[in-house]
Amino acid sequence: MSVGDYDFRHTYGSRSAVAGVDLETLKELIGHTSISTPMRYVNPTPEHKRQAIEKLEQFNAELALLALAQDSGSHNFPHSYPVCRFSVLLNY
């Protein structure tokens, strides 16, 4: 089996995606014109999914704290954001 340009591009794209390079940047680096093409390089591991869920939970916690801080009389903050534990919903 020979190694060709496709193999190098796929390895580069996959490793870049795992390293956290966003899809738009990855698209530009690899030379694709469509954002859907570099999607084939994104194969998140269970650990990456867990880290993404932790980021969402941290964001929700910070949003809840902001809502509590804004509760001192100012009602221009959107209080309707649900605060939940995504790990519970997704069994992580």
Protein backbone atom coordinates (compact mmCIF):
# COMPACT_ATOMS: atom_id res chain seq x y z
CA MET A 1 0.00 0.00 0.00
CA SER A 2 1.43 3.34 -0.95
CA VAL A 3 1.10 6.60 0.94
CA GLY A 4 -0.15 9.49 -1.14
CA ASP A 5 -1.04 13.15 -0.81
CA TYR A 6 -4.53 12.25 0.37
CA ASP A 7 -3.10 10.30 3.30
CA PHE A 8 -0.92 13.22 4.38
CA ARG A 9 -3.81 15.67 4.00
CA HIS A 10 -6.14 13.42 5.99
CA THR A 11 -3.57 12.91 8.77
CA TYR A 12 -2.88 16.66 8.91
CA GLY A 13 -6.60 17.46 8.95
CA SER A 14 -7.43 14.86 11.58
CA ARG A 15 -4.62 15.88 13.91
CA SER A 16 -5.44 19.56 13.46
CA ALA A 17 -9.09 18.92 14.32
CA VAL A 18 -8.14 16.93 17.44
CA ALA A 19 -5.78 19.75 18.43
CA GLY A 20 -8.72 22.14 18.38
CA VAL A 21 -8.25 23.99 15.08
CA ASP A 22 -11.65 25.38 14.11
CA LEU A 23 -13.23 24.13 10.88
CA GLU A 24 -13.05 27.44 9.03
CA THR A 25 -9.30 27.68 9.65
CA LEU A 26 -8.81 24.02 8.82
CA LYS A 27 -10.70 24.53 5.57
CA GLU A 28 -8.32 27.33 4.62
CA LEU A 29 -5.17 25.47 5.65
CA ILE A 30 -6.04 22.36 3.66
CA GLY A 31 -7.26 24.35 0.67
CA HIS A 32 -10.90 23.29 0.55
CA THR A 33 -13.60 25.65 -0.66
CA SER A 34 -16.48 24.17 1.34
CA ILE A 35 -16.75 23.88 5.11
CA SER A 36 -18.39 20.47 4.71
CA THR A 37 -15.24 18.88 3.28
CA PRO A 38 -13.03 19.20 6.38
CA MET A 39 -15.88 17.72 8.43
CA ARG A 40 -14.57 14.29 7.39
CA TYR A 41 -11.47 14.95 9.52
CA VAL A 42 -13.47 15.54 12.68
CA ASN A 43 -13.85 12.31 14.62
CA PRO A 44 -14.24 13.36 18.24
CA THR A 45 -13.06 10.92 20.88
CA PRO A 46 -15.06 10.27 24.05
CA GLU A 47 -12.55 12.46 25.90
CA HIS A 48 -13.12 15.37 23.50
CA LYS A 49 -16.88 15.00 23.92
CA ARG A 50 -16.47 15.03 27.71
CA GLN A 51 -14.34 18.19 27.51
CA ALA A 52 -16.94 19.88 25.29
CA ILE A 53 -19.66 19.05 27.81
CA GLU A 54 -17.54 20.46 30.63
CA LYS A 55 -17.11 23.70 28.66
CA LEU A 56 -20.89 23.96 28.21
CA GLU A 57 -21.49 23.33 31.89
CA GLN A 58 -18.91 25.95 32.86
CA PHE A 59 -20.56 28.44 30.51
CA ASN A 60 -23.98 27.70 32.02
CA ALA A 61 -22.62 28.10 35.54
CA GLU A 62 -21.10 31.48 34.66
CA LEU A 63 -24.34 32.53 32.98
CA ALA A 64 -26.30 31.59 36.10
CA LEU A 65 -23.93 33.67 38.26
CA LEU A 66 -24.40 36.63 35.92
CA ALA A 67 -28.16 36.23 36.16
CA LEU A 68 -27.97 36.23 39.96
CA ALA A 69 -25.76 39.31 39.93
CA GLN A 70 -28.19 41.09 37.61
CA ASP A 71 -31.15 40.19 39.84
CA SER A 72 -30.57 43.31 41.92
CA GLY A 73 -33.30 45.16 40.06
CA SER A 74 -32.14 45.32 36.48
CA HIS A 75 -34.37 43.15 34.31
CA ASN A 76 -32.59 43.55 30.99
CA PHE A 77 -30.64 40.29 31.33
CA PRO A 78 -32.21 37.25 29.70
CA HIS A 79 -33.10 35.12 32.74
CA SER A 80 -34.73 32.46 30.63
CA TYR A 81 -31.51 30.59 29.84
CA PRO A 82 -31.85 27.08 31.24
CA VAL A 83 -29.09 25.92 33.52
CA CYS A 84 -28.63 22.17 33.31
CA ARG A 85 -25.96 19.53 33.50
CA PHE A 86 -25.32 18.30 29.97
CA SER A 87 -23.31 15.36 31.28
CA VAL A 88 -26.45 14.04 32.94
CA LEU A 89 -28.45 14.41 29.75
CA LEU A 90 -25.79 12.72 27.62
CA ASN A 91 -24.70 10.09 30.14
CA TYR A 92 -21.11 11.33 30.48
